[in-house]
Each structure stands twice: as C-alpha cells, then as structure tokens.
Amino acid sequence: MRLDRDTLIRIAGDITERDLGDEIIVIKNSGSEFHTFRDTALDIWKKAHEGLSAGELLAFVMKEYSVAEDQAWQDLVAFLHDLDDKKLIRD
C-alpha cells in the first residue's frame, strides 16, 4: 500500500468485529485468524471507520496522546502497514 498523509484509510469489507469495550476483536471472514486491538490501536481502528486520511489519523493521535509528529507518523505508518499486510484495510 502506498501511504502518505492524503491516503484514505478504509476498513476491509469482509471482516467481523466484536467490540468488548476496552478491546475489539477483528476476524477476517475468509480466514481463521483473529486480531485484538487495545489502547491506541483500538482508538485508531475506531477512527479509521470514519474514512479519515492518514493525515487526519495522525492529527488525532498527536492530539489524543500528546506525541511529537515525527514519532506519531512513524508509529502510525507501521500500524497501518501491519493492518494492510493482514488485509484488514484496503486502498
């Protein structure tokens, strides 16, 4: 996935989610793997449902967690690439 601040982040359509309050379980319908998100990952996952750009997610992370832009971007890109590798987001 080509990723820059203008890239729209969209959740894949073939997943099932179970929100347990302080964590969410995501299952890819075409497989048997499940993924659990907590804390910052949970917050980013929920915001990604709003169809935000990577830059908008970055602004959210910086504001919510009072983290420097460079570090926030580096961590966000790593997380989004991980989601892409697991086919949980689409471009």
C-alpha atoms as a PDB file:
ATOM      1  CA  MET A   1       0.000   0.000   0.000  1.00  0.00           C
ATOM      2  CA  ARG A   2       1.286   3.419  -0.956  1.00  0.00           C
ATOM      3  CA  LEU A   3       0.885   5.509   2.144  1.00  0.00           C
ATOM      4  CA  ASP A   4       1.125   9.252   2.552  1.00  0.00           C
ATOM      5  CA  ARG A   5      -0.873  11.753   4.572  1.00  0.00           C
ATOM      6  CA  ASP A   6      -3.549  12.032   1.867  1.00  0.00           C
ATOM      7  CA  THR A   7      -4.180   8.283   1.696  1.00  0.00           C
ATOM      8  CA  LEU A   8      -7.731   7.428   2.719  1.00  0.00           C
ATOM      9  CA  ILE A   9      -7.847   4.609   5.222  1.00  0.00           C
ATOM     10  CA  ARG A  10     -10.763   2.263   4.686  1.00  0.00           C
ATOM     11  CA  ILE A  11     -11.640  -0.826   6.667  1.00  0.00           C
ATOM     12  CA  ALA A  12     -11.894  -4.000   4.578  1.00  0.00           C
ATOM     13  CA  GLY A  13     -15.443  -5.104   3.870  1.00  0.00           C
ATOM     14  CA  ASP A  14     -15.021  -8.795   4.657  1.00  0.00           C
ATOM     15  CA  ILE A  15     -14.428  -8.671   8.405  1.00  0.00           C
ATOM     16  CA  THR A  16     -16.447  -9.314  11.536  1.00  0.00           C
ATOM     17  CA  GLU A  17     -15.867  -7.253  14.654  1.00  0.00           C
ATOM     18  CA  ARG A  18     -16.746  -7.775  18.275  1.00  0.00           C
ATOM     19  CA  ASP A  19     -16.445  -4.685  20.485  1.00  0.00           C
ATOM     20  CA  LEU A  20     -15.780  -5.649  24.086  1.00  0.00           C
ATOM     21  CA  GLY A  21     -15.452  -2.095  25.381  1.00  0.00           C
ATOM     22  CA  ASP A  22     -11.767  -1.861  26.217  1.00  0.00           C
ATOM     23  CA  GLU A  23     -10.753  -4.049  23.280  1.00  0.00           C
ATOM     24  CA  ILE A  24     -12.090  -5.134  19.917  1.00  0.00           C
ATOM     25  CA  ILE A  25     -11.689  -8.476  18.198  1.00  0.00           C
ATOM     26  CA  VAL A  26     -11.473  -8.418  14.393  1.00  0.00           C
ATOM     27  CA  ILE A  27     -11.864 -11.574  12.319  1.00  0.00           C
ATOM     28  CA  LYS A  28     -11.217 -11.767   8.593  1.00  0.00           C
ATOM     29  CA  ASN A  29     -14.226 -13.649   7.186  1.00  0.00           C
ATOM     30  CA  SER A  30     -12.069 -15.524   4.671  1.00  0.00           C
ATOM     31  CA  GLY A  31      -9.673 -16.899   7.278  1.00  0.00           C
ATOM     32  CA  SER A  32      -9.367 -18.242  10.768  1.00  0.00           C
ATOM     33  CA  GLU A  33      -7.075 -15.580  12.233  1.00  0.00           C
ATOM     34  CA  PHE A  34      -8.353 -13.035  14.675  1.00  0.00           C
ATOM     35  CA  HIS A  35      -6.778  -9.800  15.852  1.00  0.00           C
ATOM     36  CA  THR A  36      -7.290  -7.982  19.124  1.00  0.00           C
ATOM     37  CA  PHE A  37      -6.817  -4.231  19.417  1.00  0.00           C
ATOM     38  CA  ARG A  38      -6.478  -2.328  22.689  1.00  0.00           C
ATOM     39  CA  ASP A  39      -5.432   1.126  23.793  1.00  0.00           C
ATOM     40  CA  THR A  40      -4.010   3.260  20.968  1.00  0.00           C
ATOM     41  CA  ALA A  41      -4.606   0.586  18.314  1.00  0.00           C
ATOM     42  CA  LEU A  42      -8.255   0.409  19.360  1.00  0.00           C
ATOM     43  CA  ASP A  43      -8.644   4.175  19.126  1.00  0.00           C
ATOM     44  CA  ILE A  44      -7.039   4.296  15.672  1.00  0.00           C
ATOM     45  CA  TRP A  45      -9.160   1.361  14.473  1.00  0.00           C
ATOM     46  CA  LYS A  46     -12.357   3.088  15.597  1.00  0.00           C
ATOM     47  CA  LYS A  47     -11.324   6.370  13.941  1.00  0.00           C
ATOM     48  CA  ALA A  48     -10.459   4.507  10.732  1.00  0.00           C
ATOM     49  CA  HIS A  49     -14.149   3.584  10.454  1.00  0.00           C
ATOM     50  CA  GLU A  50     -14.813   7.274   9.831  1.00  0.00           C
ATOM     51  CA  GLY A  51     -12.995   7.103   6.480  1.00  0.00           C
ATOM     52  CA  LEU A  52     -10.252   9.503   7.522  1.00  0.00           C
ATOM     53  CA  SER A  53      -6.988  10.113   5.721  1.00  0.00           C
ATOM     54  CA  ALA A  54      -3.701   9.019   7.236  1.00  0.00           C
ATOM     55  CA  GLY A  55      -3.010  12.719   7.934  1.00  0.00           C
ATOM     56  CA  GLU A  56      -6.280  13.061   9.831  1.00  0.00           C
ATOM     57  CA  LEU A  57      -5.457   9.952  11.840  1.00  0.00           C
ATOM     58  CA  LEU A  58      -2.043  11.463  12.541  1.00  0.00           C
ATOM     59  CA  ALA A  59      -3.643  14.667  13.854  1.00  0.00           C
ATOM     60  CA  PHE A  60      -5.929  12.581  16.074  1.00  0.00           C
ATOM     61  CA  VAL A  61      -3.013  10.581  17.519  1.00  0.00           C
ATOM     62  CA  MET A  62      -0.935  13.710  18.142  1.00  0.00           C
ATOM     63  CA  LYS A  63      -3.805  15.469  19.912  1.00  0.00           C
ATOM     64  CA  GLU A  64      -5.100  12.467  21.854  1.00  0.00           C
ATOM     65  CA  TYR A  65      -1.699  11.237  23.047  1.00  0.00           C
ATOM     66  CA  SER A  66       0.406  14.430  23.063  1.00  0.00           C
ATOM     67  CA  VAL A  67       3.107  12.820  20.969  1.00  0.00           C
ATOM     68  CA  ALA A  68       5.534  14.521  18.580  1.00  0.00           C
ATOM     69  CA  GLU A  69       4.615  14.493  14.897  1.00  0.00           C
ATOM     70  CA  ASP A  70       7.642  12.501  13.678  1.00  0.00           C
ATOM     71  CA  GLN A  71       7.180   9.756  16.265  1.00  0.00           C
ATOM     72  CA  ALA A  72       3.400   9.650  15.772  1.00  0.00           C
ATOM     73  CA  TRP A  73       3.789   9.356  11.994  1.00  0.00           C
ATOM     74  CA  GLN A  74       6.394   6.614  12.268  1.00  0.00           C
ATOM     75  CA  ASP A  75       4.218   4.578  14.660  1.00  0.00           C
ATOM     76  CA  LEU A  76       1.031   5.185  12.650  1.00  0.00           C
ATOM     77  CA  VAL A  77       2.647   4.128   9.376  1.00  0.00           C
ATOM     78  CA  ALA A  78       3.944   0.929  11.000  1.00  0.00           C
ATOM     79  CA  PHE A  79       0.460   0.138  12.356  1.00  0.00           C
ATOM     80  CA  LEU A  80      -1.284   0.880   9.051  1.00  0.00           C
ATOM     81  CA  HIS A  81       1.205  -1.252   7.107  1.00  0.00           C
ATOM     82  CA  ASP A  82       0.553  -4.069   9.592  1.00  0.00           C
ATOM     83  CA  LEU A  83      -3.203  -3.719   9.016  1.00  0.00           C
ATOM     84  CA  ASP A  84      -2.612  -3.729   5.266  1.00  0.00           C
ATOM     85  CA  ASP A  85      -0.404  -6.826   5.454  1.00  0.00           C
ATOM     86  CA  LYS A  86      -3.239  -8.585   7.332  1.00  0.00           C
ATOM     87  CA  LYS A  87      -5.715  -7.310   4.697  1.00  0.00           C
ATOM     88  CA  LEU A  88      -7.788  -5.527   7.327  1.00  0.00           C
ATOM     89  CA  ILE A  89      -7.720  -2.236   5.430  1.00  0.00           C
ATOM     90  CA  ARG A  90      -7.975  -1.550   1.711  1.00  0.00           C
ATOM     91  CA  ASP A  91      -6.977   1.209  -0.643  1.00  0.00           C
END
